C-alpha atoms as a PDB file:
ATOM      1  CA  MET A   1      21.314  94.912 148.079  1.00  0.00           C
ATOM      2  CA  LEU A   2      23.278  97.204 145.614  1.00  0.00           C
ATOM      3  CA  GLU A   3      20.954 100.376 145.007  1.00  0.00           C
ATOM      4  CA  LYS A   4      22.823 101.275 141.936  1.00  0.00           C
ATOM      5  CA  HIS A   5      23.663  99.329 138.347  1.00  0.00           C
ATOM      6  CA  PRO A   6      27.407  98.666 138.800  1.00  0.00           C
ATOM      7  CA  SER A   7      27.835 100.541 135.504  1.00  0.00           C
ATOM      8  CA  GLU A   8      26.627 103.402 137.084  1.00  0.00           C
ATOM      9  CA  LEU A   9      29.808 103.303 139.520  1.00  0.00           C
ATOM     10  CA  ILE A  10      32.469 103.430 136.871  1.00  0.00           C
ATOM     11  CA  ARG A  11      34.798 106.043 137.029  1.00  0.00           C
ATOM     12  CA  ARG A  12      36.603 107.079 134.527  1.00  0.00           C
ATOM     13  CA  ARG A  13      40.334 108.710 134.031  1.00  0.00           C
ATOM     14  CA  ARG A  14      40.479 108.064 138.020  1.00  0.00           C
ATOM     15  CA  LYS A  15      44.180 107.934 139.250  1.00  0.00           C
ATOM     16  CA  ILE A  16      44.651 104.177 140.596  1.00  0.00           C
ATOM     17  CA  ALA A  17      46.173 103.900 144.119  1.00  0.00           C
ATOM     18  CA  GLY A  18      48.312 100.343 143.736  1.00  0.00           C
ATOM     19  CA  MET A  19      49.715  98.506 146.361  1.00  0.00           C
ATOM     20  CA  SER A  20      51.547  95.108 145.504  1.00  0.00           C
ATOM     21  CA  ALA A  21      52.287  92.454 147.282  1.00  0.00           C
ATOM     22  CA  VAL A  22      56.147  91.254 147.306  1.00  0.00           C
ATOM     23  CA  LEU A  23      56.821  87.714 147.131  1.00  0.00           C
ATOM     24  CA  LEU A  24      59.358  86.295 149.607  1.00  0.00           C
ATOM     25  CA  PRO A  25      61.696  84.548 147.300  1.00  0.00           C
ATOM     26  CA  MET A  26      63.281  81.233 148.306  1.00  0.00           C
ATOM     27  CA  THR A  27      66.555  79.561 147.535  1.00  0.00           C
ATOM     28  CA  GLU A  28      66.776  76.009 146.064  1.00  0.00           C
ATOM     29  CA  LEU A  29      67.476  74.933 149.569  1.00  0.00           C
ATOM     30  CA  GLY A  30      64.161  76.886 150.890  1.00  0.00           C
ATOM     31  CA  GLU A  31      66.048  79.379 152.277  1.00  0.00           C
ATOM     32  CA  ILE A  32      65.187  83.466 152.310  1.00  0.00           C
ATOM     33  CA  ASP A  33      66.842  84.729 149.005  1.00  0.00           C
ATOM     34  CA  TRP A  34      67.442  88.245 150.758  1.00  0.00           C
ATOM     35  CA  SER A  35      69.183  89.457 147.243  1.00  0.00           C
ATOM     36  CA  SER A  36      66.157  88.573 145.120  1.00  0.00           C
ATOM     37  CA  PHE A  37      63.907  90.100 147.618  1.00  0.00           C
ATOM     38  CA  ARG A  38      65.433  93.154 147.559  1.00  0.00           C
ATOM     39  CA  GLY A  39      65.425  93.153 143.499  1.00  0.00           C
ATOM     40  CA  LEU A  40      61.708  92.964 143.828  1.00  0.00           C
ATOM     41  CA  LEU A  41      61.044  95.647 145.986  1.00  0.00           C
ATOM     42  CA  GLU A  42      63.120  97.884 143.493  1.00  0.00           C
ATOM     43  CA  ARG A  43      60.913  96.811 140.938  1.00  0.00           C
ATOM     44  CA  THR A  44      58.085  97.735 142.833  1.00  0.00           C
ATOM     45  CA  VAL A  45      59.210 100.972 143.843  1.00  0.00           C
ATOM     46  CA  ARG A  46      60.510 101.793 140.248  1.00  0.00           C
ATOM     47  CA  ALA A  47      56.997 101.065 138.756  1.00  0.00           C
ATOM     48  CA  GLY A  48      55.299 103.685 141.076  1.00  0.00           C
ATOM     49  CA  LEU A  49      53.730 101.239 143.157  1.00  0.00           C
ATOM     50  CA  VAL A  50      53.488 100.724 147.014  1.00  0.00           C
ATOM     51  CA  PRO A  51      55.330  97.609 148.247  1.00  0.00           C
ATOM     52  CA  ALA A  52      53.236  95.419 150.903  1.00  0.00           C
ATOM     53  CA  VAL A  53      55.352  92.948 152.340  1.00  0.00           C
ATOM     54  CA  ASN A  54      54.808  90.560 155.199  1.00  0.00           C
ATOM     55  CA  MET A  55      51.469  89.772 153.575  1.00  0.00           C
ATOM     56  CA  ASP A  56      50.007  86.153 152.496  1.00  0.00           C
ATOM     57  CA  THR A  57      52.345  86.435 149.323  1.00  0.00           C
ATOM     58  CA  GLY A  58      55.370  86.986 151.769  1.00  0.00           C
ATOM     59  CA  TYR A  59      54.322  83.913 153.661  1.00  0.00           C
ATOM     60  CA  VAL A  60      53.743  85.741 157.032  1.00  0.00           C
ATOM     61  CA  GLN A  61      52.064  83.002 158.728  1.00  0.00           C
ATOM     62  CA  LEU A  62      55.063  80.854 157.989  1.00  0.00           C
ATOM     63  CA  ILE A  63      58.146  82.387 158.640  1.00  0.00           C
ATOM     64  CA  SER A  64      59.526  83.294 162.339  1.00  0.00           C
ATOM     65  CA  GLU A  65      59.508  86.397 163.850  1.00  0.00           C
ATOM     66  CA  SER A  66      63.083  87.162 162.776  1.00  0.00           C
ATOM     67  CA  ALA A  67      62.416  86.975 159.625  1.00  0.00           C
ATOM     68  CA  ARG A  68      59.385  89.042 159.709  1.00  0.00           C
ATOM     69  CA  GLU A  69      61.697  91.901 161.350  1.00  0.00           C
ATOM     70  CA  GLN A  70      64.441  90.963 158.740  1.00  0.00           C
ATOM     71  CA  VAL A  71      61.508  91.797 156.056  1.00  0.00           C
ATOM     72  CA  LEU A  72      61.026  95.486 157.425  1.00  0.00           C
ATOM     73  CA  ASP A  73      64.417  96.324 157.728  1.00  0.00           C
ATOM     74  CA  THR A  74      65.272  95.254 154.475  1.00  0.00           C
ATOM     75  CA  THR A  75      62.100  96.899 153.004  1.00  0.00           C
ATOM     76  CA  LYS A  76      63.077 100.077 154.977  1.00  0.00           C
ATOM     77  CA  SER A  77      66.371 100.384 153.585  1.00  0.00           C
ATOM     78  CA  VAL A  78      65.388  99.805 150.215  1.00  0.00           C
ATOM     79  CA  VAL A  79      62.257 101.791 150.122  1.00  0.00           C
ATOM     80  CA  GLY A  80      62.353 104.433 152.910  1.00  0.00           C
ATOM     81  CA  GLU A  81      58.849 104.782 154.324  1.00  0.00           C
ATOM     82  CA  GLU A  82      56.402 104.596 151.690  1.00  0.00           C
ATOM     83  CA  PHE A  83      55.208 100.746 152.328  1.00  0.00           C
ATOM     84  CA  VAL A  84      52.581  98.847 153.780  1.00  0.00           C
ATOM     85  CA  ALA A  85      53.158  95.371 156.265  1.00  0.00           C
ATOM     86  CA  GLY A  86      51.146  92.771 157.614  1.00  0.00           C
ATOM     87  CA  ALA A  87      50.854  92.824 161.166  1.00  0.00           C
ATOM     88  CA  HIS A  88      50.306  89.007 162.052  1.00  0.00           C
ATOM     89  CA  VAL A  89      49.645  87.403 165.511  1.00  0.00           C
ATOM     90  CA  GLU A  90      50.009  83.914 165.680  1.00  0.00           C
ATOM     91  CA  ASP A  91      47.500  82.277 167.547  1.00  0.00           C
ATOM     92  CA  HIS A  92      45.361  78.950 167.307  1.00  0.00           C
ATOM     93  CA  GLU A  93      41.791  78.278 166.764  1.00  0.00           C
ATOM     94  CA  GLY A  94      39.724  78.889 170.378  1.00  0.00           C
ATOM     95  CA  ASP A  95      42.006  81.514 171.200  1.00  0.00           C
ATOM     96  CA  SER A  96      40.783  84.909 172.178  1.00  0.00           C
ATOM     97  CA  TRP A  97      41.697  88.235 170.294  1.00  0.00           C
ATOM     98  CA  ASP A  98      45.105  89.518 171.901  1.00  0.00           C
ATOM     99  CA  ARG A  99      44.896  92.976 171.471  1.00  0.00           C
ATOM    100  CA  ASP A 100      48.144  93.763 172.956  1.00  0.00           C
ATOM    101  CA  ALA A 101      49.788  91.352 170.756  1.00  0.00           C
ATOM    102  CA  MET A 102      48.459  93.230 167.812  1.00  0.00           C
ATOM    103  CA  ALA A 103      49.361  96.251 168.569  1.00  0.00           C
ATOM    104  CA  ARG A 104      52.868  95.451 169.334  1.00  0.00           C
ATOM    105  CA  GLU A 105      53.121  94.105 165.404  1.00  0.00           C
ATOM    106  CA  MET A 106      51.463  97.457 164.471  1.00  0.00           C
ATOM    107  CA  GLU A 107      54.134  99.245 166.366  1.00  0.00           C
ATOM    108  CA  ARG A 108      57.118  97.182 164.732  1.00  0.00           C
ATOM    109  CA  ILE A 109      55.882  98.500 161.250  1.00  0.00           C
ATOM    110  CA  GLU A 110      55.184 101.783 162.243  1.00  0.00           C
ATOM    111  CA  SER A 111      58.722 102.385 163.962  1.00  0.00           C
ATOM    112  CA  ARG A 112      60.216 101.782 160.573  1.00  0.00           C
ATOM    113  CA  GLY A 113      57.854 104.454 158.930  1.00  0.00           C
ATOM    114  CA  GLY A 114      55.138 101.869 157.449  1.00  0.00           C
ATOM    115  CA  THR A 115      51.506 101.517 157.369  1.00  0.00           C
ATOM    116  CA  PRO A 116      50.347  98.343 159.065  1.00  0.00           C
ATOM    117  CA  VAL A 117      47.658  96.207 157.732  1.00  0.00           C
ATOM    118  CA  VAL A 118      45.924  94.444 160.317  1.00  0.00           C
ATOM    119  CA  PHE A 119      46.007  90.712 159.437  1.00  0.00           C
ATOM    120  CA  PRO A 120      43.520  88.191 160.466  1.00  0.00           C
ATOM    121  CA  SER A 121      43.870  85.552 163.188  1.00  0.00           C
ATOM    122  CA  TYR A 122      41.541  83.069 164.961  1.00  0.00           C
ATOM    123  CA  GLY A 123      41.196  85.340 167.340  1.00  0.00           C
ATOM    124  CA  LEU A 124      40.149  88.116 165.661  1.00  0.00           C
ATOM    125  CA  THR A 125      37.805  86.725 163.235  1.00  0.00           C
ATOM    126  CA  ALA A 126      36.214  84.590 165.937  1.00  0.00           C
ATOM    127  CA  LEU A 127      34.794  88.142 167.072  1.00  0.00           C
ATOM    128  CA  ASP A 128      30.955  88.823 165.619  1.00  0.00           C
ATOM    129  CA  GLY A 129      30.499  92.363 163.835  1.00  0.00           C
ATOM    130  CA  PRO A 130      30.177  94.774 166.214  1.00  0.00           C
ATOM    131  CA  ASP A 131      33.246  93.267 168.531  1.00  0.00           C
ATOM    132  CA  TRP A 132      35.345  93.042 164.973  1.00  0.00           C
ATOM    133  CA  ALA A 133      34.955  96.595 164.731  1.00  0.00           C
ATOM    134  CA  GLY A 134      35.346  97.407 167.932  1.00  0.00           C
ATOM    135  CA  ALA A 135      38.545  95.906 168.046  1.00  0.00           C
ATOM    136  CA  HIS A 136      39.709  97.723 165.278  1.00  0.00           C
ATOM    137  CA  LYS A 137      38.528 100.959 167.233  1.00  0.00           C
ATOM    138  CA  ARG A 138      40.669  99.982 170.337  1.00  0.00           C
ATOM    139  CA  LEU A 139      43.743  99.839 167.832  1.00  0.00           C
ATOM    140  CA  GLY A 140      43.269 103.377 166.825  1.00  0.00           C
ATOM    141  CA  GLU A 141      43.707 104.363 170.457  1.00  0.00           C
ATOM    142  CA  SER A 142      47.720 103.167 169.755  1.00  0.00           C
ATOM    143  CA  SER A 143      47.905 103.690 166.020  1.00  0.00           C
ATOM    144  CA  ASP A 144      47.347 106.787 163.901  1.00  0.00           C
ATOM    145  CA  ARG A 145      47.100 105.244 160.401  1.00  0.00           C
ATOM    146  CA  PHE A 146      46.494 101.532 159.497  1.00  0.00           C
ATOM    147  CA  ILE A 147      44.580  99.256 156.988  1.00  0.00           C
ATOM    148  CA  GLY A 148      42.112  96.709 157.922  1.00  0.00           C
ATOM    149  CA  PHE A 149      41.561  93.697 155.958  1.00  0.00           C
ATOM    150  CA  GLU A 150      38.809  91.096 154.968  1.00  0.00           C
ATOM    151  CA  LEU A 151      40.433  87.712 154.173  1.00  0.00           C
ATOM    152  CA  GLY A 152      38.037  85.053 152.760  1.00  0.00           C
ATOM    153  CA  PRO A 153      38.282  81.332 154.083  1.00  0.00           C
ATOM    154  CA  MET A 154      39.655  80.267 150.489  1.00  0.00           C
ATOM    155  CA  PHE A 155      43.119  81.972 151.425  1.00  0.00           C
ATOM    156  CA  VAL A 156      43.239  80.861 155.046  1.00  0.00           C
ATOM    157  CA  PRO A 157      41.216  78.411 157.746  1.00  0.00           C
ATOM    158  CA  TYR A 158      40.698  81.579 159.929  1.00  0.00           C
ATOM    159  CA  GLY A 159      39.318  84.023 156.835  1.00  0.00           C
ATOM    160  CA  ARG A 160      36.140  85.609 157.322  1.00  0.00           C
ATOM    161  CA  ILE A 161      33.791  88.411 155.627  1.00  0.00           C
ATOM    162  CA  TYR A 162      31.592  90.653 157.444  1.00  0.00           C
ATOM    163  CA  ASP A 163      28.539  91.951 157.026  1.00  0.00           C
ATOM    164  CA  LEU A 164      27.891  95.470 155.579  1.00  0.00           C
ATOM    165  CA  GLU A 165      26.983  96.880 159.085  1.00  0.00           C
ATOM    166  CA  ALA A 166      30.253  95.826 160.413  1.00  0.00           C
ATOM    167  CA  TYR A 167      32.177  97.409 157.453  1.00  0.00           C
ATOM    168  CA  ARG A 168      29.964 100.502 157.956  1.00  0.00           C
ATOM    169  CA  ALA A 169      31.645 100.682 161.701  1.00  0.00           C
ATOM    170  CA  LEU A 170      34.820 100.260 160.342  1.00  0.00           C
ATOM    171  CA  LEU A 171      34.428 103.467 158.117  1.00  0.00           C
ATOM    172  CA  ALA A 172      33.340 105.415 161.279  1.00  0.00           C
ATOM    173  CA  ILE A 173      36.997 104.460 162.581  1.00  0.00           C
ATOM    174  CA  PRO A 174      39.082 107.587 161.536  1.00  0.00           C
ATOM    175  CA  GLN A 175      42.576 105.823 161.925  1.00  0.00           C
ATOM    176  CA  CYS A 176      41.762 103.246 159.505  1.00  0.00           C
ATOM    177  CA  ILE A 177      42.402 104.686 156.197  1.00  0.00           C
ATOM    178  CA  GLY A 178      41.256 101.695 154.317  1.00  0.00           C
ATOM    179  CA  ALA A 179      40.788  98.254 154.033  1.00  0.00           C
ATOM    180  CA  LYS A 180      41.589  95.497 151.707  1.00  0.00           C
ATOM    181  CA  HIS A 181      38.623  93.089 150.598  1.00  0.00           C
ATOM    182  CA  SER A 182      39.407  89.743 149.625  1.00  0.00           C
ATOM    183  CA  SER A 183      36.222  87.952 149.139  1.00  0.00           C
ATOM    184  CA  LEU A 184      36.557  87.073 145.472  1.00  0.00           C
ATOM    185  CA  SER A 185      32.969  88.274 145.198  1.00  0.00           C
ATOM    186  CA  ARG A 186      32.502  91.429 142.798  1.00  0.00           C
ATOM    187  CA  SER A 187      28.890  91.886 144.216  1.00  0.00           C
ATOM    188  CA  GLN A 188      30.259  92.269 148.007  1.00  0.00           C
ATOM    189  CA  GLU A 189      32.810  94.693 147.050  1.00  0.00           C
ATOM    190  CA  TRP A 190      30.443  96.886 144.949  1.00  0.00           C
ATOM    191  CA  GLU A 191      28.205  96.873 148.200  1.00  0.00           C
ATOM    192  CA  ARG A 192      31.245  98.493 149.730  1.00  0.00           C
ATOM    193  CA  LEU A 193      32.242 100.923 147.333  1.00  0.00           C
ATOM    194  CA  ALA A 194      28.349 102.227 147.251  1.00  0.00           C
ATOM    195  CA  LEU A 195      28.560 102.520 151.165  1.00  0.00           C
ATOM    196  CA  ARG A 196      32.010 104.009 151.205  1.00  0.00           C
ATOM    197  CA  ASP A 197      30.694 106.470 148.514  1.00  0.00           C
ATOM    198  CA  SER A 198      28.227 107.604 150.569  1.00  0.00           C
ATOM    199  CA  VAL A 199      29.550 107.339 153.994  1.00  0.00           C
ATOM    200  CA  ARG A 200      33.308 108.427 153.765  1.00  0.00           C
ATOM    201  CA  PRO A 201      34.391 108.848 150.217  1.00  0.00           C
ATOM    202  CA  ASP A 202      38.411 108.940 151.408  1.00  0.00           C
ATOM    203  CA  PHE A 203      38.216 105.535 152.771  1.00  0.00           C
ATOM    204  CA  ARG A 204      40.285 103.222 150.443  1.00  0.00           C
ATOM    205  CA  VAL A 205      38.498 100.142 149.135  1.00  0.00           C
ATOM    206  CA  LEU A 206      41.565  98.019 148.389  1.00  0.00           C
ATOM    207  CA  THR A 207      40.611  95.062 146.005  1.00  0.00           C
ATOM    208  CA  GLY A 208      42.136  91.777 146.720  1.00  0.00           C
ATOM    209  CA  ASN A 209      40.200  90.198 144.177  1.00  0.00           C
ATOM    210  CA  ASP A 210      42.717  88.607 141.917  1.00  0.00           C
ATOM    211  CA  LEU A 211      39.734  87.121 139.887  1.00  0.00           C
ATOM    212  CA  ALA A 212      38.488  90.628 138.912  1.00  0.00           C
ATOM    213  CA  ILE A 213      41.228  92.967 138.900  1.00  0.00           C
ATOM    214  CA  ASP A 214      38.935  95.537 136.542  1.00  0.00           C
ATOM    215  CA  MET A 215      37.184  96.283 139.899  1.00  0.00           C
ATOM    216  CA  VAL A 216      39.638  99.350 139.685  1.00  0.00           C
ATOM    217  CA  MET A 217      37.049 100.602 137.059  1.00  0.00           C
ATOM    218  CA  TYR A 218      34.215 100.983 139.781  1.00  0.00           C
ATOM    219  CA  GLY A 219      36.389 103.045 142.372  1.00  0.00           C
ATOM    220  CA  SER A 220      38.422 100.544 144.296  1.00  0.00           C
ATOM    221  CA  ASP A 221      42.223 100.747 144.377  1.00  0.00           C
ATOM    222  CA  TYR A 222      43.663  97.553 145.057  1.00  0.00           C
ATOM    223  CA  LEU A 223      46.463  95.629 147.282  1.00  0.00           C
ATOM    224  CA  LEU A 224      46.920  92.427 145.466  1.00  0.00           C
ATOM    225  CA  GLY A 225      49.019  88.895 145.258  1.00  0.00           C
ATOM    226  CA  LEU A 226      48.888  88.717 141.483  1.00  0.00           C
ATOM    227  CA  SER A 227      50.552  92.243 140.882  1.00  0.00           C
ATOM    228  CA  ALA A 228      53.475  90.342 142.528  1.00  0.00           C
ATOM    229  CA  PHE A 229      53.911  88.686 139.267  1.00  0.00           C
ATOM    230  CA  ALA A 230      54.400  91.993 136.886  1.00  0.00           C
ATOM    231  CA  PRO A 231      54.416  95.295 139.016  1.00  0.00           C
ATOM    232  CA  GLU A 232      55.300  96.721 135.860  1.00  0.00           C
ATOM    233  CA  ALA A 233      52.416  95.796 133.701  1.00  0.00           C
ATOM    234  CA  PHE A 234      49.956  96.500 136.524  1.00  0.00           C
ATOM    235  CA  ALA A 235      51.561 100.230 136.623  1.00  0.00           C
ATOM    236  CA  LYS A 236      51.273 100.302 132.694  1.00  0.00           C
ATOM    237  CA  ARG A 237      47.452  99.046 132.885  1.00  0.00           C
ATOM    238  CA  ASP A 238      46.815 101.786 135.809  1.00  0.00           C
ATOM    239  CA  GLY A 239      48.113 104.640 133.381  1.00  0.00           C
ATOM    240  CA  PHE A 240      45.904 103.580 130.838  1.00  0.00           C
ATOM    241  CA  TRP A 241      42.947 103.851 132.726  1.00  0.00           C
ATOM    242  CA  ALA A 242      43.755 107.308 134.022  1.00  0.00           C
ATOM    243  CA  THR A 243      44.460 108.625 130.264  1.00  0.00           C
ATOM    244  CA  ASP A 244      41.278 107.009 129.360  1.00  0.00           C
ATOM    245  CA  ASP A 245      43.583 104.829 126.849  1.00  0.00           C
ATOM    246  CA  PRO A 246      41.237 101.762 125.596  1.00  0.00           C
ATOM    247  CA  MET A 247      44.380  99.725 125.687  1.00  0.00           C
ATOM    248  CA  PHE A 248      43.844  99.281 129.663  1.00  0.00           C
ATOM    249  CA  PHE A 249      41.269  96.571 128.423  1.00  0.00           C
ATOM    250  CA  GLU A 250      43.833  94.547 126.228  1.00  0.00           C
ATOM    251  CA  LEU A 251      46.309  94.431 129.192  1.00  0.00           C
ATOM    252  CA  ASN A 252      44.135  93.903 131.714  1.00  0.00           C
ATOM    253  CA  ASP A 253      42.674  90.921 129.817  1.00  0.00           C
ATOM    254  CA  LEU A 254      46.167  89.257 129.754  1.00  0.00           C
ATOM    255  CA  LEU A 255      46.912  89.943 133.261  1.00  0.00           C
ATOM    256  CA  GLN A 256      43.298  88.543 134.390  1.00  0.00           C
ATOM    257  CA  TYR A 257      44.339  85.245 131.997  1.00  0.00           C
ATOM    258  CA  LEU A 258      47.155  85.197 134.431  1.00  0.00           C
ATOM    259  CA  GLY A 259      44.951  85.770 137.717  1.00  0.00           C
ATOM    260  CA  PHE A 260      42.427  82.880 136.703  1.00  0.00           C
ATOM    261  CA  PHE A 261      45.127  80.372 136.059  1.00  0.00           C
ATOM    262  CA  ALA A 262      47.365  81.055 139.012  1.00  0.00           C
ATOM    263  CA  PHE A 263      44.561  81.807 141.607  1.00  0.00           C
ATOM    264  CA  ARG A 264      42.845  78.646 140.833  1.00  0.00           C
ATOM    265  CA  ASP A 265      42.296  76.075 143.636  1.00  0.00           C
ATOM    266  CA  PRO A 266      43.961  75.220 146.011  1.00  0.00           C
ATOM    267  CA  VAL A 267      44.266  79.517 145.850  1.00  0.00           C
ATOM    268  CA  PRO A 268      47.353  79.438 148.361  1.00  0.00           C
ATOM    269  CA  ALA A 269      49.458  77.683 145.981  1.00  0.00           C
ATOM    270  CA  TYR A 270      49.427  80.885 143.741  1.00  0.00           C
ATOM    271  CA  LYS A 271      52.762  81.780 145.560  1.00  0.00           C
ATOM    272  CA  HIS A 272      54.375  78.808 143.871  1.00  0.00           C
ATOM    273  CA  ASP A 273      52.846  80.004 140.207  1.00  0.00           C
ATOM    274  CA  ALA A 274      54.486  83.576 141.398  1.00  0.00           C
ATOM    275  CA  ALA A 275      57.936  82.004 142.224  1.00  0.00           C
ATOM    276  CA  ILE A 276      58.017  80.360 138.620  1.00  0.00           C
ATOM    277  CA  PHE A 277      57.014  83.278 136.932  1.00  0.00           C
ATOM    278  CA  LEU A 278      59.171  85.352 138.222  1.00  0.00           C
ATOM    279  CA  ASN A 279      62.408  82.979 137.954  1.00  0.00           C
ATOM    280  CA  LEU A 280      61.023  82.678 134.199  1.00  0.00           C
ATOM    281  CA  ARG A 281      61.524  86.546 133.927  1.00  0.00           C
ATOM    282  CA  LYS A 282      64.746  86.543 135.663  1.00  0.00           C
ATOM    283  CA  ARG A 283      63.701  88.114 138.365  1.00  0.00           C
ATOM    284  CA  ILE A 284      64.462  85.819 140.727  1.00  0.00           C
ATOM    285  CA  SER A 285      66.908  82.876 141.187  1.00  0.00           C
ATOM    286  CA  SER A 286      64.698  80.058 141.971  1.00  0.00           C
ATOM    287  CA  SER A 287      61.280  78.909 141.352  1.00  0.00           C
ATOM    288  CA  GLU A 288      61.187  77.360 144.643  1.00  0.00           C
ATOM    289  CA  THR A 289      58.182  78.304 147.275  1.00  0.00           C
ATOM    290  CA  HIS A 290      58.412  78.242 151.002  1.00  0.00           C
ATOM    291  CA  PRO A 291      59.048  74.358 152.244  1.00  0.00           C
ATOM    292  CA  GLN A 292      55.647  74.601 154.031  1.00  0.00           C
ATOM    293  CA  ALA A 293      53.565  76.181 151.374  1.00  0.00           C
ATOM    294  CA  ALA A 294      51.115  74.634 148.859  1.00  0.00           C
ATOM    295  CA  ARG A 295      52.903  73.462 145.292  1.00  0.00           C
ATOM    296  CA  ARG A 296      51.684  73.494 141.656  1.00  0.00           C
ATOM    297  CA  PRO A 297      52.475  70.755 139.498  1.00  0.00           C
ATOM    298  CA  ALA A 298      55.362  71.212 136.859  1.00  0.00           C
ATOM    299  CA  SER A 299      52.858  71.575 134.126  1.00  0.00           C
ATOM    300  CA  ASP A 300      52.368  75.069 135.221  1.00  0.00           C
ATOM    301  CA  ARG A 301      55.559  76.254 133.985  1.00  0.00           C
ATOM    302  CA  GLU A 302      54.504  75.924 130.349  1.00  0.00           C
ATOM    303  CA  VAL A 303      51.428  78.018 130.571  1.00  0.00           C
ATOM    304  CA  LEU A 304      53.507  80.640 132.985  1.00  0.00           C
ATOM    305  CA  GLU A 305      56.056  80.720 130.225  1.00  0.00           C
ATOM    306  CA  GLU A 306      53.704  81.222 127.363  1.00  0.00           C
ATOM    307  CA  ILE A 307      51.907  84.225 129.260  1.00  0.00           C
ATOM    308  CA  SER A 308      55.414  86.004 130.078  1.00  0.00           C
ATOM    309  CA  LYS A 309      56.010  85.776 126.843  1.00  0.00           C
ATOM    310  CA  ARG A 310      52.764  87.639 125.758  1.00  0.00           C
ATOM    311  CA  LEU A 311      53.454  90.170 128.513  1.00  0.00           C
ATOM    312  CA  GLU A 312      56.841  91.280 127.316  1.00  0.00           C
ATOM    313  CA  VAL A 313      55.158  93.223 124.581  1.00  0.00           C
ATOM    314  CA  TRP A 314      54.023  95.685 127.483  1.00  0.00           C
ATOM    315  CA  ALA A 315      56.408  95.309 130.125  1.00  0.00           C
END
């Protein structure tokens, strides 16, 4: 139970740390559009956000190992070493957690200078709370710096959100510098913020709540899929908050409108909306999504076009 009213958690004039998932664009033939991907990376960095690659927004569960490697190499060549990336282990329901496989995936990222995000898997989320935290502690034996990840089942079938005691144990791992929280629940995130503030203030609670992007008002930073649509607009919004400019709310409302539309059921289809939106804004060459990914109806294009025009005033 949250002891403070959420309004007591609000932190005005705070500099927000923004990490933005980067869409992996596809050509009309369903192949990866590497040129457009490089362009999205460049835009994200110019906006002042940290690119997050090989995440759900980058189809990490659907692309091959060689493609994930090429994503990392391309990111390093464009960005340098200031990026985060999903460390993903493909497994199946009933499989045991494979610590060595995850450590290898993390090393791939670290060898290129990036920070790994421990992506959930069937084996990892089958563990109970203490063992889940213990698995992350073991990863700290071979990694100096990584980000945890709570992902709800609305995103992936093996998603799971743990209780506060498991989260407290995660905070006790010095190598874990933060954790993305994607429950789409304000109350659960507020509880994590209060616990963080009392136990480990330097730990980053990275909101993944695309339906409540104003969680940054309460002390969350972010690692969002929604910011992939318009990193420049998110950066401008963040600047308004840092300078206590009330225009923060005007821009946040428009971005949240986009979030409510794009992240409606089925939630994973937001990636198709991202492709449509970025294509409308001439950021990528095609509005195609990954051939195995969920799709949106053609009627989405009209709504996204209207939102894009409204955003042009801002970025």
